[in-house]
Amino acid sequence: MKNKLVYLLMIILAIVFGYLLGILCAGMDEPMVSWLGTSLDFKLDPATVDLHAFALTFGIRLSINPIQILFILLAIVISPKIAASIK
């Protein structure tokens, strides 16, 4: 259970910090760094099901950049070591 929570927390942190670092890199003028901020966007537009008693809306948007991929891979590698060090 502890390992799964550590994996989940590390991957969430990797996604968030990778996103923030990607935003910083995208704003730079240096081309060697700015490409790290480019992201691929996948989007499924919201669709609403209205049943008069309640309405459900479904949609999803995914945006990922190279730094997030690197951080997620790093989190997968170091998560077992962090979980083992927690008593």
C-alpha atoms as a PDB file:
ATOM      1  CA  MET A   1       0.000   0.000   0.000  1.00  0.00           C
ATOM      2  CA  LYS A   2       2.837   2.353   0.903  1.00  0.00           C
ATOM      3  CA  ASN A   3       4.562   1.714  -2.432  1.00  0.00           C
ATOM      4  CA  LYS A   4       1.423   2.527  -4.414  1.00  0.00           C
ATOM      5  CA  LEU A   5       0.904   5.797  -2.553  1.00  0.00           C
ATOM      6  CA  VAL A   6       4.521   6.804  -3.081  1.00  0.00           C
ATOM      7  CA  TYR A   7       4.277   5.973  -6.809  1.00  0.00           C
ATOM      8  CA  LEU A   8       1.063   7.978  -7.133  1.00  0.00           C
ATOM      9  CA  LEU A   9       2.414  10.974  -5.231  1.00  0.00           C
ATOM     10  CA  MET A  10       5.694  10.982  -7.160  1.00  0.00           C
ATOM     11  CA  ILE A  11       3.935  10.791 -10.533  1.00  0.00           C
ATOM     12  CA  ILE A  12       1.537  13.595  -9.590  1.00  0.00           C
ATOM     13  CA  LEU A  13       4.458  15.750  -8.449  1.00  0.00           C
ATOM     14  CA  ALA A  14       6.354  14.937 -11.658  1.00  0.00           C
ATOM     15  CA  ILE A  15       3.383  16.020 -13.773  1.00  0.00           C
ATOM     16  CA  VAL A  16       2.865  19.276 -11.866  1.00  0.00           C
ATOM     17  CA  PHE A  17       6.533  20.291 -11.685  1.00  0.00           C
ATOM     18  CA  GLY A  18       7.116  19.251 -15.297  1.00  0.00           C
ATOM     19  CA  TYR A  19       4.182  21.408 -16.387  1.00  0.00           C
ATOM     20  CA  LEU A  20       5.464  24.414 -14.456  1.00  0.00           C
ATOM     21  CA  LEU A  21       9.014  23.991 -15.741  1.00  0.00           C
ATOM     22  CA  GLY A  22       7.640  23.574 -19.271  1.00  0.00           C
ATOM     23  CA  ILE A  23       5.835  26.900 -18.980  1.00  0.00           C
ATOM     24  CA  LEU A  24       9.057  28.564 -17.875  1.00  0.00           C
ATOM     25  CA  CYS A  25      11.002  27.012 -20.767  1.00  0.00           C
ATOM     26  CA  ALA A  26       8.362  27.992 -23.326  1.00  0.00           C
ATOM     27  CA  GLY A  27       8.707  31.649 -22.367  1.00  0.00           C
ATOM     28  CA  MET A  28      12.465  31.760 -23.001  1.00  0.00           C
ATOM     29  CA  ASP A  29      13.966  33.193 -26.182  1.00  0.00           C
ATOM     30  CA  GLU A  30      16.762  30.606 -26.379  1.00  0.00           C
ATOM     31  CA  PRO A  31      15.794  27.925 -28.968  1.00  0.00           C
ATOM     32  CA  MET A  32      17.855  25.236 -27.190  1.00  0.00           C
ATOM     33  CA  VAL A  33      15.550  25.567 -24.171  1.00  0.00           C
ATOM     34  CA  SER A  34      12.239  26.753 -25.615  1.00  0.00           C
ATOM     35  CA  TRP A  35      11.509  23.430 -27.376  1.00  0.00           C
ATOM     36  CA  LEU A  36      11.184  21.808 -23.935  1.00  0.00           C
ATOM     37  CA  GLY A  37       8.072  23.906 -23.415  1.00  0.00           C
ATOM     38  CA  THR A  38       6.300  22.667 -26.524  1.00  0.00           C
ATOM     39  CA  SER A  39       3.412  20.422 -25.702  1.00  0.00           C
ATOM     40  CA  LEU A  40       1.105  17.980 -27.426  1.00  0.00           C
ATOM     41  CA  ASP A  41      -2.556  18.626 -26.761  1.00  0.00           C
ATOM     42  CA  PHE A  42      -5.276  16.009 -27.024  1.00  0.00           C
ATOM     43  CA  LYS A  43      -8.835  17.106 -26.454  1.00  0.00           C
ATOM     44  CA  LEU A  44     -12.275  15.537 -26.446  1.00  0.00           C
ATOM     45  CA  ASP A  45     -14.844  18.330 -26.432  1.00  0.00           C
ATOM     46  CA  PRO A  46     -17.411  18.302 -23.647  1.00  0.00           C
ATOM     47  CA  ALA A  47     -20.624  16.429 -24.357  1.00  0.00           C
ATOM     48  CA  THR A  48     -23.685  16.879 -22.171  1.00  0.00           C
ATOM     49  CA  VAL A  49     -26.390  14.337 -21.435  1.00  0.00           C
ATOM     50  CA  ASP A  50     -29.471  16.110 -20.072  1.00  0.00           C
ATOM     51  CA  LEU A  51     -32.063  13.850 -18.448  1.00  0.00           C
ATOM     52  CA  HIS A  52     -34.190  16.690 -16.994  1.00  0.00           C
ATOM     53  CA  ALA A  53     -33.551  15.459 -13.446  1.00  0.00           C
ATOM     54  CA  PHE A  54     -29.801  15.859 -13.785  1.00  0.00           C
ATOM     55  CA  ALA A  55     -27.230  16.631 -16.440  1.00  0.00           C
ATOM     56  CA  LEU A  56     -23.899  14.918 -17.000  1.00  0.00           C
ATOM     57  CA  THR A  57     -21.028  16.521 -18.883  1.00  0.00           C
ATOM     58  CA  PHE A  58     -18.077  14.466 -20.142  1.00  0.00           C
ATOM     59  CA  GLY A  59     -14.867  15.793 -21.617  1.00  0.00           C
ATOM     60  CA  ILE A  60     -11.122  15.387 -21.337  1.00  0.00           C
ATOM     61  CA  ARG A  61      -8.022  17.419 -22.182  1.00  0.00           C
ATOM     62  CA  LEU A  62      -4.462  16.139 -22.004  1.00  0.00           C
ATOM     63  CA  SER A  63      -1.397  18.303 -22.521  1.00  0.00           C
ATOM     64  CA  ILE A  64       2.085  16.841 -22.123  1.00  0.00           C
ATOM     65  CA  ASN A  65       5.572  18.227 -22.750  1.00  0.00           C
ATOM     66  CA  PRO A  66       9.044  16.612 -22.920  1.00  0.00           C
ATOM     67  CA  ILE A  67       9.987  17.688 -19.395  1.00  0.00           C
ATOM     68  CA  GLN A  68       6.891  15.984 -17.974  1.00  0.00           C
ATOM     69  CA  ILE A  69       7.816  12.751 -19.744  1.00  0.00           C
ATOM     70  CA  LEU A  70      11.345  12.959 -18.349  1.00  0.00           C
ATOM     71  CA  PHE A  71      10.089  13.690 -14.829  1.00  0.00           C
ATOM     72  CA  ILE A  72       7.545  10.833 -14.956  1.00  0.00           C
ATOM     73  CA  LEU A  73      10.252   8.368 -16.006  1.00  0.00           C
ATOM     74  CA  LEU A  74      12.505   9.688 -13.236  1.00  0.00           C
ATOM     75  CA  ALA A  75       9.674   9.320 -10.701  1.00  0.00           C
ATOM     76  CA  ILE A  76       9.112   5.706 -11.743  1.00  0.00           C
ATOM     77  CA  VAL A  77      12.809   4.948 -11.254  1.00  0.00           C
ATOM     78  CA  ILE A  78      13.282   6.621  -7.863  1.00  0.00           C
ATOM     79  CA  SER A  79       9.894   5.835  -6.266  1.00  0.00           C
ATOM     80  CA  PRO A  80      10.910   2.358  -4.999  1.00  0.00           C
ATOM     81  CA  LYS A  81      13.998   3.832  -3.351  1.00  0.00           C
ATOM     82  CA  ILE A  82      11.940   6.518  -1.613  1.00  0.00           C
ATOM     83  CA  ALA A  83       9.307   3.990  -0.508  1.00  0.00           C
ATOM     84  CA  ALA A  84      12.023   1.731   0.917  1.00  0.00           C
ATOM     85  CA  SER A  85      13.525   4.588   2.920  1.00  0.00           C
ATOM     86  CA  ILE A  86      10.178   5.447   4.553  1.00  0.00           C
ATOM     87  CA  LYS A  87       9.622   3.412   7.681  1.00  0.00           C
END
